[in-house]
Amino acid sequence: MATGYPRFFIHRTIQAFAADIVATHVSTKAKRTSDITAMLFPTPTIASRCVDFIRSRAPVDVCSNIEVVNLVLDMSDPEARALEPLCPSISAVIMPQDGFPFAKQYWQHSGDGVSSRRAEFCHGLFKDGLLRPDIELRNAAVSAAKPCRGPKRYQRQASLDAGGNQQTIMHGHVHRATGETAMIQETSRFLEERFGRNLDLSFVHPAKSAIKRRIAGALRSADHDLGGSPSLSEKQMSSNTRGIANLREEDIYLFPCGMNAIFHAHRALYSIRTPPGSTPLKSVNFGFPYVDTLKILEKFNPSGALFYGHGSKSDLDDLETRLESGERYLALFCEFPGNPLLTCPDLVRIRELADKYEFAVVVDETIGTFANVNVLQFADIVVSSLTKIFSGDCNVMGGGAIFNPNSRYYSALKSFVQQQLEDTYWPEDVIFMERNSRDFVARIDRVNANAEAICRVLKDHPLVKTLYYPKYNDSRANYEAVKLPQGGYGGLISVVLKGKKQAVAFYDAIETAKGPSLGTNFTLTSPYVLLAHYQELDWAEQYGVDRNLIRISVGLEGTDELINVFTRALKVAEEQSQYP
């Protein structure tokens, strides 16, 4: 594979920027460029976490040769000052080539790396001399540096909640006080004139607000006007598909990608539930997980994790027995449904155990989606990858996390966020995500219908050994317990055919796009287990995950067209089965 999913493959624009940073850096150090590499992060604090991760795992000779170069705007340049509201900083972890595999683990598991749009933009500034190393911070990896949280405008109460105080109407858009308005307008004009970027920064904050309200199920309109709409009231926010009247916009957080939301959910719970000097509690990974979720629980907690790969009733029985005997846990992490078997854990019983034995519950709803299911009522934190069907266009990444305001951990989580969470979601990515997600609900309805049509083709076919879909799995009752009245069963299907030869023939013949990821607006087919668990196929199979499983992410094509596509592919596979 020449390139791939952005957490597994470093995007080429990021690679190019890293190479230029290395070339500039080593020219002052009398080192060979080929011996050195760099990993790019948005802030010094995040770079510091990466360095700590490398030093906890890499050989001594690697650890002793790590540096951090923090690139910041040269504020002596008037052009750079005009860009300050964007906060276009980069922190490069520079290391020997032998350190790259360890840095790559941090990049992949945490989702903390820079986005390609941030890298492309900052690379241009770097080439023009507007983004330069901060000598005072070099090599420090810098706990002392003040994190860049963006301009004050982005930190204020959401504009859609604020009731209109100190707003003025200019060019049909709602703006804040005169000083900030001038600064935003100056930056937007400079971006367009200097870099050819049509990015109106006045849209970024209301775009974040709109995304958060869609996640809450409080904003369902596809034609929401970010610029000039009247403010939405708290009463309107209380009417949401989550069923929690006291849910507020500030309980929803946005991240550069879905895995970053999971990483910070674990980081927050680990922090608030691990008193200084105490032994950390293990987390529980319940159900066969997306590959990096388990890695986070194992690698970012010295106590590790308890793994229940089947996510079954007997697994819950075993957990309850452990709890009754006195074992205690930090949190239980699960997906709803799971990936790729679409098994649904018993959230009702998990919540009962969590309340009784005081552990947190984190539910990843990426595959179920909040248009189909309401899992927040049983969770302390709900996380989701917005990169998938929420966006649909597969041209931007994002993640979300919701804190349940009725959770026993709510106040402590909010305090953690206030003190330690940096907002690193790049403004251009925010704008793309908001635009893409406007018709999210309508797309989900279409995907649900298409998925059920494909299941009807596969379900009773003689070549199909096992069909995995929430509607047909043994765990359907658990799905029905949280399914919304207007919801469906989602757009992800997995299928195992009766032999490897048939699976190969089917996959080769299926006339869809092929590759990793899910939730694209077009149907996407992948040999998921071979891609995600190639180095651990035997391990996956002991949890019922067949190495020849084919995963189908259903798109928006015409239903009849998809039925024909899958019927033809099955026919080809049937023809293969006639030969020894």
Protein backbone atom coordinates (compact mmCIF):
# COMPACT_ATOMS: atom_id res chain seq x y z
CA MET A 1 0.00 0.00 0.00
CA ALA A 2 1.40 3.39 -1.04
CA THR A 3 -0.83 5.34 1.31
CA GLY A 4 -3.78 4.70 3.58
CA TYR A 5 -5.79 5.77 6.60
CA PRO A 6 -4.15 8.87 8.15
CA ARG A 7 -3.34 7.38 11.56
CA PHE A 8 -1.70 4.31 9.98
CA PHE A 9 0.06 6.13 7.14
CA ILE A 10 1.63 9.53 7.68
CA HIS A 11 0.02 11.78 5.04
CA ARG A 12 2.45 12.83 2.32
CA THR A 13 2.02 16.54 3.02
CA ILE A 14 3.02 15.86 6.63
CA GLN A 15 6.00 13.79 5.50
CA ALA A 16 7.17 16.63 3.24
CA PHE A 17 6.95 19.18 6.05
CA ALA A 18 8.76 16.88 8.49
CA ALA A 19 11.54 16.34 5.95
CA ASP A 20 12.02 20.09 5.52
CA ILE A 21 12.17 20.60 9.29
CA VAL A 22 14.76 17.83 9.60
CA ALA A 23 16.84 19.24 6.73
CA THR A 24 16.85 22.70 8.31
CA HIS A 25 17.56 21.36 11.78
CA VAL A 26 20.42 18.99 10.92
CA SER A 27 22.16 21.63 8.81
CA THR A 28 22.99 23.34 12.08
CA LYS A 29 24.01 20.09 13.79
CA ALA A 30 26.45 18.54 11.30
CA LYS A 31 24.34 15.38 11.07
CA ARG A 32 23.16 13.38 8.07
CA THR A 33 19.52 13.91 7.14
CA SER A 34 19.11 10.20 6.38
CA ASP A 35 19.84 9.33 10.01
CA ILE A 36 17.15 11.63 11.41
CA THR A 37 13.36 11.73 11.24
CA ALA A 38 10.60 13.86 12.75
CA MET A 39 7.03 13.44 13.93
CA LEU A 40 4.80 16.51 13.94
CA PHE A 41 2.31 17.53 16.63
CA PRO A 42 0.21 20.67 17.13
CA THR A 43 1.50 21.76 20.57
CA PRO A 44 4.57 21.41 22.82
CA THR A 45 2.53 19.62 25.47
CA ILE A 46 1.49 16.89 23.03
CA ALA A 47 5.06 16.57 21.76
CA SER A 48 6.15 16.11 25.36
CA ARG A 49 3.71 13.22 25.79
CA CYS A 50 5.13 11.58 22.67
CA VAL A 51 8.69 11.97 24.00
CA ASP A 52 7.68 10.41 27.32
CA PHE A 53 6.11 7.48 25.44
CA ILE A 54 9.26 6.92 23.35
CA ARG A 55 11.54 7.11 26.38
CA SER A 56 9.46 4.51 28.22
CA ARG A 57 10.01 1.99 25.39
CA ALA A 58 12.95 2.81 23.14
CA PRO A 59 16.64 1.88 23.61
CA VAL A 60 18.84 4.29 25.54
CA ASP A 61 20.77 5.44 22.47
CA VAL A 62 17.49 6.55 20.88
CA CYS A 63 16.20 8.25 24.01
CA SER A 64 19.38 10.27 24.48
CA ASN A 65 19.09 11.81 21.00
CA ILE A 66 15.53 13.13 21.00
CA GLU A 67 14.88 16.83 20.56
CA VAL A 68 11.75 18.91 20.28
CA VAL A 69 11.65 21.90 17.97
CA ASN A 70 8.68 24.18 18.55
CA LEU A 71 7.75 26.27 15.54
CA VAL A 72 5.85 29.45 16.35
CA LEU A 73 4.84 32.58 14.51
CA ASP A 74 7.55 35.20 14.22
CA MET A 75 5.56 38.00 15.81
CA SER A 76 8.06 40.60 14.65
CA ASP A 77 6.65 40.12 11.16
CA PRO A 78 3.36 41.99 10.52
CA GLU A 79 2.16 39.18 8.24
CA ALA A 80 2.65 36.67 11.05
CA ARG A 81 0.78 38.83 13.53
CA ALA A 82 -2.25 38.78 11.22
CA LEU A 83 -2.31 34.97 11.53
CA GLU A 84 -2.35 34.84 15.32
CA PRO A 85 -6.07 33.89 15.62
CA LEU A 86 -5.36 30.63 13.75
CA CYS A 87 -2.67 29.62 16.26
CA PRO A 88 -0.65 27.78 13.57
CA SER A 89 1.99 26.17 15.78
CA ILE A 90 3.94 22.94 15.15
CA SER A 91 6.07 20.93 17.55
CA ALA A 92 8.45 18.50 15.86
CA VAL A 93 9.83 15.53 17.77
CA ILE A 94 13.20 14.98 16.08
CA MET A 95 14.86 11.61 16.65
CA PRO A 96 17.11 8.94 15.14
CA GLN A 97 15.43 6.72 12.55
CA ASP A 98 15.39 3.89 15.11
CA GLY A 99 12.99 5.95 17.20
CA PHE A 100 10.37 6.26 14.48
CA PRO A 101 8.50 2.96 15.23
CA PHE A 102 7.95 4.10 18.81
CA ALA A 103 6.82 7.59 17.79
CA LYS A 104 4.55 6.01 15.19
CA GLN A 105 2.88 3.93 17.91
CA TYR A 106 2.07 7.10 19.84
CA TRP A 107 0.83 8.81 16.67
CA GLN A 108 -1.44 5.88 15.75
CA HIS A 109 -2.82 5.06 19.19
CA SER A 110 -3.39 8.60 20.48
CA GLY A 111 -4.57 10.40 17.34
CA ASP A 112 -2.61 13.41 18.63
CA GLY A 113 -0.74 14.09 15.37
CA VAL A 114 -1.24 17.10 13.13
CA SER A 115 -3.86 17.00 10.41
CA SER A 116 -2.78 17.23 6.79
CA ARG A 117 -4.50 20.61 6.38
CA ARG A 118 -2.65 22.06 9.38
CA ALA A 119 0.63 20.64 8.08
CA GLU A 120 0.09 22.00 4.57
CA PHE A 121 -0.76 25.46 5.87
CA CYS A 122 2.09 25.60 8.39
CA HIS A 123 4.55 24.25 5.82
CA GLY A 124 3.80 27.29 3.68
CA LEU A 125 4.46 29.59 6.62
CA PHE A 126 7.69 27.73 7.35
CA LYS A 127 8.92 28.13 3.77
CA ASP A 128 8.10 31.86 3.90
CA GLY A 129 9.97 32.33 7.16
CA LEU A 130 6.84 33.21 9.15
CA LEU A 131 6.98 30.04 11.29
CA ARG A 132 10.31 29.69 13.07
CA PRO A 133 11.85 27.64 15.90
CA ASP A 134 11.33 29.10 19.33
CA ILE A 135 14.83 28.94 20.74
CA GLU A 136 13.65 29.29 24.34
CA LEU A 137 11.47 26.19 24.10
CA ARG A 138 13.78 23.96 22.02
CA ASN A 139 14.70 20.68 23.73
CA ALA A 140 12.28 21.38 26.58
CA ALA A 141 9.21 19.46 25.44
CA VAL A 142 7.76 22.05 27.68
CA SER A 143 5.40 21.68 30.49
CA ALA A 144 6.06 25.32 31.30
CA ALA A 145 4.78 26.71 28.02
CA LYS A 146 1.30 28.15 27.97
CA PRO A 147 -0.83 25.93 25.69
CA CYS A 148 -2.21 27.58 22.60
CA ARG A 149 -5.97 27.35 22.95
CA GLY A 150 -6.81 29.70 20.14
CA PRO A 151 -8.08 33.26 20.38
CA LYS A 152 -10.44 34.32 23.12
CA ARG A 153 -13.28 34.32 20.64
CA TYR A 154 -13.11 30.51 20.44
CA GLN A 155 -13.06 30.09 24.20
CA ARG A 156 -16.22 32.03 24.94
CA GLN A 157 -19.67 30.64 25.51
CA ALA A 158 -21.09 29.29 22.26
CA SER A 159 -22.51 32.04 20.10
CA LEU A 160 -25.72 30.09 19.61
CA ASP A 161 -26.22 30.02 23.38
CA ALA A 162 -25.11 33.52 24.26
CA GLY A 163 -28.36 35.35 23.76
CA GLY A 164 -26.94 38.01 21.46
CA ASN A 165 -25.07 40.21 23.95
CA GLN A 166 -22.63 42.65 22.34
CA GLN A 167 -23.33 41.32 18.83
CA THR A 168 -23.45 43.40 15.69
CA ILE A 169 -24.73 42.48 12.24
CA MET A 170 -22.12 43.02 9.54
CA HIS A 171 -22.47 41.79 5.95
CA GLY A 172 -25.33 39.57 7.02
CA HIS A 173 -23.32 37.75 9.69
CA VAL A 174 -23.40 37.82 13.49
CA HIS A 175 -20.17 39.16 14.97
CA ARG A 176 -18.81 40.01 18.41
CA ALA A 177 -17.37 43.20 19.76
CA THR A 178 -15.63 45.61 17.39
CA GLY A 179 -12.02 44.78 18.34
CA GLU A 180 -12.38 41.05 17.85
CA THR A 181 -14.43 41.54 14.70
CA ALA A 182 -11.67 43.62 13.17
CA MET A 183 -9.04 41.02 14.10
CA ILE A 184 -11.05 38.15 12.60
CA GLN A 185 -11.80 40.10 9.43
CA GLU A 186 -8.15 41.09 9.07
CA THR A 187 -7.00 37.49 9.41
CA SER A 188 -9.61 36.15 6.97
CA ARG A 189 -8.70 38.79 4.39
CA PHE A 190 -4.99 38.11 4.85
CA LEU A 191 -5.48 34.36 4.43
CA GLU A 192 -7.26 34.84 1.12
CA GLU A 193 -4.90 37.47 -0.26
CA ARG A 194 -1.62 35.93 0.94
CA PHE A 195 -2.30 32.20 0.74
CA GLY A 196 -5.35 31.86 -1.51
CA ARG A 197 -7.31 30.28 1.34
CA ASN A 198 -11.01 31.09 1.35
CA LEU A 199 -11.42 30.59 5.10
CA ASP A 200 -13.77 32.98 6.88
CA LEU A 201 -12.73 32.66 10.52
CA SER A 202 -16.00 34.22 11.63
CA PHE A 203 -17.61 30.88 10.67
CA VAL A 204 -15.32 28.64 12.74
CA HIS A 205 -16.88 29.15 16.15
CA PRO A 206 -20.52 28.82 15.02
CA ALA A 207 -19.44 25.81 12.93
CA LYS A 208 -18.17 24.10 16.10
CA SER A 209 -21.44 24.99 17.79
CA ALA A 210 -23.47 23.50 14.93
CA ILE A 211 -21.43 20.28 14.98
CA LYS A 212 -21.93 19.91 18.73
CA ARG A 213 -25.67 20.45 18.43
CA ARG A 214 -25.91 17.84 15.70
CA ILE A 215 -24.06 15.40 17.94
CA ALA A 216 -26.58 16.14 20.67
CA GLY A 217 -29.45 15.59 18.26
CA ALA A 218 -30.65 19.14 18.92
CA LEU A 219 -29.89 20.53 15.45
CA ARG A 220 -31.23 18.43 12.59
CA SER A 221 -31.68 21.04 9.86
CA ALA A 222 -29.55 20.53 6.75
CA ASP A 223 -29.62 24.21 5.79
CA HIS A 224 -28.52 25.80 9.08
CA ASP A 225 -27.06 29.23 8.29
CA LEU A 226 -23.88 29.72 10.30
CA GLY A 227 -23.64 33.37 9.51
CA GLY A 228 -26.94 35.02 10.21
CA SER A 229 -29.34 32.72 12.01
CA PRO A 230 -30.88 33.81 15.29
CA SER A 231 -29.55 32.28 18.46
CA LEU A 232 -30.89 28.93 19.52
CA SER A 233 -32.12 28.89 23.08
CA GLU A 234 -31.17 26.48 25.86
CA LYS A 235 -34.75 25.22 25.73
CA GLN A 236 -34.21 24.14 22.14
CA MET A 237 -30.95 22.43 23.17
CA SER A 238 -32.82 20.52 25.89
CA SER A 239 -34.97 18.94 23.18
CA ASN A 240 -32.49 16.39 21.89
CA THR A 241 -32.40 12.77 20.80
CA ARG A 242 -30.13 11.93 23.73
CA GLY A 243 -33.08 12.13 26.11
CA ILE A 244 -31.14 14.16 28.70
CA ALA A 245 -32.79 17.52 29.31
CA ASN A 246 -29.82 19.09 31.14
CA LEU A 247 -27.32 18.28 28.35
CA ARG A 248 -25.58 21.47 27.26
CA GLU A 249 -23.40 22.37 24.33
CA GLU A 250 -20.36 22.73 26.57
CA ASP A 251 -20.69 19.06 27.55
CA ILE A 252 -19.66 18.10 24.01
CA TYR A 253 -16.02 18.23 22.94
CA LEU A 254 -14.46 18.04 19.48
CA PHE A 255 -11.16 16.36 18.64
CA PRO A 256 -8.96 16.00 15.55
CA CYS A 257 -10.05 12.36 15.13
CA GLY A 258 -12.16 9.70 16.83
CA MET A 259 -9.25 7.85 18.41
CA ASN A 260 -8.11 11.11 19.98
CA ALA A 261 -11.51 11.35 21.70
CA ILE A 262 -11.01 7.83 23.12
CA PHE A 263 -7.43 8.62 24.12
CA HIS A 264 -8.46 11.73 26.05
CA ALA A 265 -11.47 10.01 27.63
CA HIS A 266 -9.08 7.42 29.05
CA ARG A 267 -6.54 10.09 29.97
CA ALA A 268 -9.18 12.10 31.84
CA LEU A 269 -10.56 9.12 33.75
CA TYR A 270 -7.06 7.89 34.58
CA SER A 271 -6.19 11.34 35.95
CA ILE A 272 -9.28 11.90 38.08
CA ARG A 273 -9.42 8.31 39.42
CA THR A 274 -5.72 7.81 40.22
CA PRO A 275 -4.71 9.74 43.36
CA PRO A 276 -0.99 10.64 43.56
CA GLY A 277 1.06 7.71 44.82
CA SER A 278 -1.70 5.14 44.35
CA THR A 279 -1.66 2.08 42.10
CA PRO A 280 -3.75 2.75 39.00
CA LEU A 281 -6.87 0.67 38.47
CA LYS A 282 -7.14 -1.50 35.37
CA SER A 283 -9.66 -0.69 32.69
CA VAL A 284 -11.96 -3.24 31.09
CA ASN A 285 -12.19 -3.64 27.32
CA PHE A 286 -15.55 -5.34 26.80
CA GLY A 287 -16.08 -6.92 23.39
CA PHE A 288 -13.75 -7.38 20.44
CA PRO A 289 -12.39 -3.88 19.95
CA TYR A 290 -11.19 -1.62 17.22
CA VAL A 291 -7.46 -2.28 17.27
CA ASP A 292 -6.21 0.95 18.89
CA THR A 293 -8.74 1.15 21.71
CA LEU A 294 -7.25 -1.90 23.43
CA LYS A 295 -3.72 -0.58 22.77
CA ILE A 296 -4.58 2.68 24.56
CA LEU A 297 -5.87 0.83 27.63
CA GLU A 298 -2.80 -1.43 27.70
CA LYS A 299 -0.03 1.04 26.88
CA PHE A 300 -1.17 4.19 28.69
CA ASN A 301 -1.94 2.55 32.03
CA PRO A 302 0.83 0.64 33.84
CA SER A 303 -1.80 -1.68 35.31
CA GLY A 304 -3.01 -2.65 31.83
CA ALA A 305 -6.48 -3.85 30.95
CA LEU A 306 -8.83 -6.77 31.45
CA PHE A 307 -9.94 -7.94 28.01
CA TYR A 308 -13.25 -9.67 27.31
CA GLY A 309 -13.03 -10.42 23.59
CA HIS A 310 -16.46 -11.99 23.16
CA GLY A 311 -18.48 -9.33 25.02
CA SER A 312 -20.95 -12.06 25.96
CA LYS A 313 -23.28 -12.71 28.88
CA SER A 314 -20.75 -15.17 30.31
CA ASP A 315 -18.09 -12.45 30.09
CA LEU A 316 -20.34 -10.13 32.08
CA ASP A 317 -20.94 -12.92 34.59
CA ASP A 318 -17.19 -13.29 35.03
CA LEU A 319 -16.77 -9.53 35.48
CA GLU A 320 -19.51 -9.49 38.11
CA THR A 321 -17.83 -12.35 39.96
CA ARG A 322 -14.56 -10.43 40.00
CA LEU A 323 -16.31 -7.31 41.27
CA GLU A 324 -18.08 -9.26 44.01
CA SER A 325 -14.73 -10.66 45.14
CA GLY A 326 -13.37 -7.13 45.63
CA GLU A 327 -11.64 -6.31 42.34
CA ARG A 328 -12.11 -2.72 41.20
CA TYR A 329 -11.69 -1.07 37.81
CA LEU A 330 -11.07 2.36 36.37
CA ALA A 331 -13.58 2.18 33.54
CA LEU A 332 -15.25 -0.16 31.08
CA PHE A 333 -14.77 0.68 27.41
CA CYS A 334 -17.03 -0.86 24.76
CA GLU A 335 -18.28 -0.27 21.24
CA PHE A 336 -21.93 -0.27 20.28
CA PRO A 337 -22.10 -2.27 18.11
CA GLY A 338 -18.63 -3.83 18.02
CA ASN A 339 -16.31 -3.89 15.04
CA PRO A 340 -16.33 -6.09 12.97
CA LEU A 341 -18.79 -8.62 14.44
CA LEU A 342 -21.49 -6.02 15.24
CA THR A 343 -22.11 -7.61 18.65
CA CYS A 344 -23.96 -5.34 21.09
CA PRO A 345 -23.06 -5.42 24.79
CA ASP A 346 -25.76 -5.38 27.46
CA LEU A 347 -25.57 -1.70 28.41
CA VAL A 348 -28.40 -1.95 30.93
CA ARG A 349 -26.57 -4.55 33.00
CA ILE A 350 -23.20 -2.82 32.55
CA ARG A 351 -24.71 0.39 33.93
CA GLU A 352 -26.11 -1.45 36.94
CA LEU A 353 -22.68 -2.94 37.69
CA ALA A 354 -20.99 0.42 37.20
CA ASP A 355 -23.32 2.14 39.67
CA LYS A 356 -22.91 -0.63 42.23
CA TYR A 357 -19.14 -1.03 41.99
CA GLU A 358 -18.16 2.52 41.00
CA PHE A 359 -16.44 2.32 37.64
CA ALA A 360 -16.96 4.58 34.65
CA VAL A 361 -18.54 3.50 31.37
CA VAL A 362 -17.24 4.77 28.02
CA VAL A 363 -19.25 3.80 24.93
CA ASP A 364 -18.03 4.25 21.35
CA GLU A 365 -21.14 4.81 19.22
CA THR A 366 -19.34 5.29 15.90
CA ILE A 367 -20.98 2.32 14.18
CA GLY A 368 -24.42 2.58 15.77
CA THR A 369 -24.52 6.38 15.38
CA PHE A 370 -26.67 8.68 17.47
CA ALA A 371 -29.26 8.82 14.68
CA ASN A 372 -30.05 5.16 15.35
CA VAL A 373 -29.32 4.54 19.04
CA ASN A 374 -29.24 6.46 22.31
CA VAL A 375 -26.43 5.11 24.49
CA LEU A 376 -25.69 8.23 26.56
CA GLN A 377 -28.29 7.26 29.15
CA PHE A 378 -26.07 4.29 30.13
CA ALA A 379 -22.64 5.93 29.77
CA ASP A 380 -20.50 8.44 31.61
CA ILE A 381 -18.76 9.37 28.37
CA VAL A 382 -19.86 8.68 24.80
CA VAL A 383 -17.21 8.92 22.09
CA SER A 384 -17.51 8.82 18.32
CA SER A 385 -15.41 9.08 15.17
CA LEU A 386 -16.93 11.92 13.17
CA THR A 387 -14.58 10.93 10.32
CA LYS A 388 -17.00 8.17 9.40
CA ILE A 389 -20.67 8.54 8.41
CA PHE A 390 -21.11 11.87 10.25
CA SER A 391 -18.82 13.38 7.61
CA GLY A 392 -19.35 10.82 4.87
CA ASP A 393 -17.18 12.57 2.30
CA CYS A 394 -13.93 10.99 3.63
CA ASN A 395 -12.02 14.26 3.17
CA VAL A 396 -11.73 15.36 6.81
CA MET A 397 -11.19 13.75 10.21
CA GLY A 398 -12.81 14.51 13.53
CA GLY A 399 -13.93 13.04 16.82
CA GLY A 400 -16.46 13.84 19.50
CA ALA A 401 -16.98 13.13 23.18
CA ILE A 402 -20.03 13.80 25.33
CA PHE A 403 -19.90 14.01 29.11
CA ASN A 404 -23.13 12.82 30.67
CA PRO A 405 -24.15 15.68 33.01
CA ASN A 406 -25.74 13.12 35.36
CA SER A 407 -22.55 11.09 35.77
CA ARG A 408 -20.93 10.83 39.20
CA TYR A 409 -17.65 11.81 37.49
CA TYR A 410 -19.05 14.81 35.64
CA SER A 411 -17.63 17.58 37.85
CA ALA A 412 -14.18 16.00 38.02
CA LEU A 413 -14.14 15.49 34.25
CA LYS A 414 -15.12 19.10 33.62
CA SER A 415 -12.36 20.27 35.95
CA PHE A 416 -9.82 18.10 34.10
CA VAL A 417 -10.86 19.56 30.76
CA GLN A 418 -10.65 23.09 32.08
CA GLN A 419 -7.08 22.58 33.27
CA GLN A 420 -5.51 20.09 30.86
CA LEU A 421 -7.34 19.68 27.56
CA GLU A 422 -6.05 21.62 24.55
CA ASP A 423 -8.35 22.38 21.63
CA THR A 424 -6.28 21.30 18.62
CA TYR A 425 -9.04 20.87 16.03
CA TRP A 426 -7.70 22.83 13.04
CA PRO A 427 -10.17 25.54 11.83
CA GLU A 428 -10.16 24.38 8.19
CA ASP A 429 -11.05 20.86 9.32
CA VAL A 430 -13.89 22.27 11.42
CA ILE A 431 -15.34 24.08 8.40
CA PHE A 432 -15.24 20.95 6.23
CA MET A 433 -16.78 18.79 8.96
CA GLU A 434 -19.66 21.21 9.49
CA ARG A 435 -20.42 21.39 5.78
CA ASN A 436 -20.27 17.62 5.32
CA SER A 437 -22.51 16.82 8.27
CA ARG A 438 -25.48 19.01 7.38
CA ASP A 439 -27.39 16.13 5.75
CA PHE A 440 -26.18 13.47 8.20
CA VAL A 441 -29.63 12.30 9.33
CA ALA A 442 -30.98 11.94 5.79
CA ARG A 443 -27.90 9.97 4.77
CA ILE A 444 -28.27 7.62 7.73
CA ASP A 445 -31.84 6.82 6.72
CA ARG A 446 -30.69 5.90 3.21
CA VAL A 447 -27.75 3.84 4.49
CA ASN A 448 -30.00 1.92 6.91
CA ALA A 449 -32.35 0.96 4.09
CA ASN A 450 -29.52 -0.05 1.76
CA ALA A 451 -27.86 -2.18 4.43
CA GLU A 452 -31.02 -4.14 5.09
CA ALA A 453 -31.45 -4.73 1.36
CA ILE A 454 -27.91 -6.12 1.11
CA CYS A 455 -28.53 -8.32 4.14
CA ARG A 456 -31.58 -9.82 2.42
CA VAL A 457 -29.34 -10.81 -0.50
CA LEU A 458 -26.71 -12.36 1.77
CA LYS A 459 -28.74 -13.84 4.60
CA ASP A 460 -30.08 -17.04 3.04
CA HIS A 461 -27.52 -17.51 0.29
CA PRO A 462 -25.98 -21.01 0.32
CA LEU A 463 -22.40 -19.66 0.13
CA VAL A 464 -22.82 -17.49 3.25
CA LYS A 465 -21.55 -19.16 6.40
CA THR A 466 -22.24 -16.30 8.83
CA LEU A 467 -23.84 -12.87 8.43
CA TYR A 468 -23.08 -10.27 11.11
CA TYR A 469 -25.57 -7.41 11.46
CA PRO A 470 -27.27 -6.02 14.59
CA LYS A 471 -30.72 -7.00 13.33
CA TYR A 472 -29.73 -10.66 12.96
CA ASN A 473 -27.11 -11.16 15.69
CA ASP A 474 -27.88 -13.00 18.93
CA SER A 475 -27.37 -9.68 20.76
CA ARG A 476 -30.27 -7.99 18.94
CA ALA A 477 -32.22 -7.47 22.19
CA ASN A 478 -29.38 -5.32 23.51
CA TYR A 479 -29.56 -3.18 20.38
CA GLU A 480 -33.34 -2.85 20.60
CA ALA A 481 -33.01 -1.63 24.21
CA VAL A 482 -31.38 1.60 23.00
CA LYS A 483 -32.69 1.89 19.44
CA LEU A 484 -34.46 5.16 18.69
CA PRO A 485 -38.04 4.95 17.36
CA GLN A 486 -37.00 6.32 13.97
CA GLY A 487 -33.63 4.57 13.98
CA GLY A 488 -32.38 1.65 11.93
CA TYR A 489 -29.62 -0.91 12.34
CA GLY A 490 -26.71 0.96 10.80
CA GLY A 491 -24.58 0.75 7.69
CA LEU A 492 -21.94 -1.84 8.60
CA ILE A 493 -22.20 -5.51 7.63
CA SER A 494 -19.69 -8.35 7.98
CA VAL A 495 -19.94 -11.66 6.18
CA VAL A 496 -17.97 -14.92 6.21
CA LEU A 497 -18.35 -17.20 3.20
CA LYS A 498 -17.96 -20.95 3.38
CA GLY A 499 -14.40 -21.04 2.04
CA LYS A 500 -11.36 -18.89 1.42
CA LYS A 501 -11.56 -19.47 -2.35
CA GLN A 502 -15.14 -18.20 -2.41
CA ALA A 503 -14.20 -15.20 -0.26
CA VAL A 504 -11.37 -14.27 -2.65
CA ALA A 505 -13.62 -14.63 -5.69
CA PHE A 506 -16.41 -12.59 -4.09
CA TYR A 507 -14.04 -9.83 -3.02
CA ASP A 508 -12.35 -9.62 -6.40
CA ALA A 509 -15.70 -9.52 -8.20
CA ILE A 510 -17.58 -7.06 -5.99
CA GLU A 511 -18.01 -3.80 -7.90
CA THR A 512 -17.53 -1.38 -5.03
CA ALA A 513 -14.66 0.72 -3.78
CA LYS A 514 -12.20 -1.33 -1.74
CA GLY A 515 -10.04 -0.30 1.18
CA PRO A 516 -9.95 0.47 4.90
CA SER A 517 -12.21 2.83 6.87
CA LEU A 518 -16.01 2.90 7.01
CA GLY A 519 -18.88 5.37 6.90
CA THR A 520 -18.13 6.71 3.42
CA ASN A 521 -20.98 7.95 1.24
CA PHE A 522 -20.04 5.23 -1.25
CA THR A 523 -20.08 1.52 -0.45
CA LEU A 524 -16.65 0.35 0.70
CA THR A 525 -15.60 -3.30 0.99
CA SER A 526 -12.52 -4.57 2.82
CA PRO A 527 -10.87 -7.80 4.00
CA TYR A 528 -10.98 -6.16 7.40
CA VAL A 529 -9.25 -8.76 9.57
CA LEU A 530 -6.35 -9.14 7.15
CA LEU A 531 -5.82 -5.38 7.23
CA ALA A 532 -6.37 -4.65 10.91
CA HIS A 533 -5.01 -7.83 12.53
CA TYR A 534 -2.55 -9.26 10.01
CA GLN A 535 0.13 -9.87 12.65
CA GLU A 536 -2.34 -11.48 15.08
CA LEU A 537 -4.74 -13.56 12.99
CA ASP A 538 -4.67 -16.57 15.34
CA TRP A 539 -5.36 -14.28 18.31
CA ALA A 540 -8.36 -12.76 16.53
CA GLU A 541 -9.79 -16.15 15.59
CA GLN A 542 -9.94 -17.29 19.21
CA TYR A 543 -12.59 -14.58 19.68
CA GLY A 544 -14.61 -15.74 16.69
CA VAL A 545 -13.16 -13.24 14.22
CA ASP A 546 -12.52 -15.19 11.02
CA ARG A 547 -9.44 -14.13 9.03
CA ASN A 548 -11.43 -14.32 5.78
CA LEU A 549 -14.21 -12.05 7.02
CA ILE A 550 -15.32 -9.39 4.55
CA ARG A 551 -16.62 -6.12 5.96
CA ILE A 552 -19.02 -3.94 4.00
CA SER A 553 -19.58 -0.27 4.77
CA VAL A 554 -22.83 0.58 2.99
CA GLY A 555 -23.16 3.82 1.02
CA LEU A 556 -25.80 5.95 -0.68
CA GLU A 557 -26.02 4.24 -4.05
CA GLY A 558 -29.40 3.20 -5.42
CA THR A 559 -30.82 0.21 -3.57
CA ASP A 560 -31.50 -1.79 -6.73
CA GLU A 561 -27.99 -1.07 -7.97
CA LEU A 562 -26.47 -2.44 -4.77
CA ILE A 563 -28.67 -5.53 -4.86
CA ASN A 564 -27.42 -6.26 -8.39
CA VAL A 565 -23.77 -5.64 -7.41
CA PHE A 566 -23.91 -8.14 -4.55
CA THR A 567 -25.93 -10.67 -6.52
CA ARG A 568 -23.35 -10.65 -9.33
CA ALA A 569 -20.42 -11.06 -6.92
CA LEU A 570 -22.11 -14.04 -5.24
CA LYS A 571 -22.67 -15.61 -8.64
CA VAL A 572 -18.95 -15.36 -9.42
CA ALA A 573 -18.13 -16.91 -6.04
CA GLU A 574 -20.60 -19.73 -6.79
CA GLU A 575 -18.87 -20.48 -10.06
CA GLN A 576 -15.56 -20.78 -8.23
CA SER A 577 -17.02 -23.33 -5.84
CA GLN A 578 -17.74 -25.68 -8.74
CA TYR A 579 -14.01 -26.31 -9.23
CA PRO A 580 -11.86 -28.44 -6.87
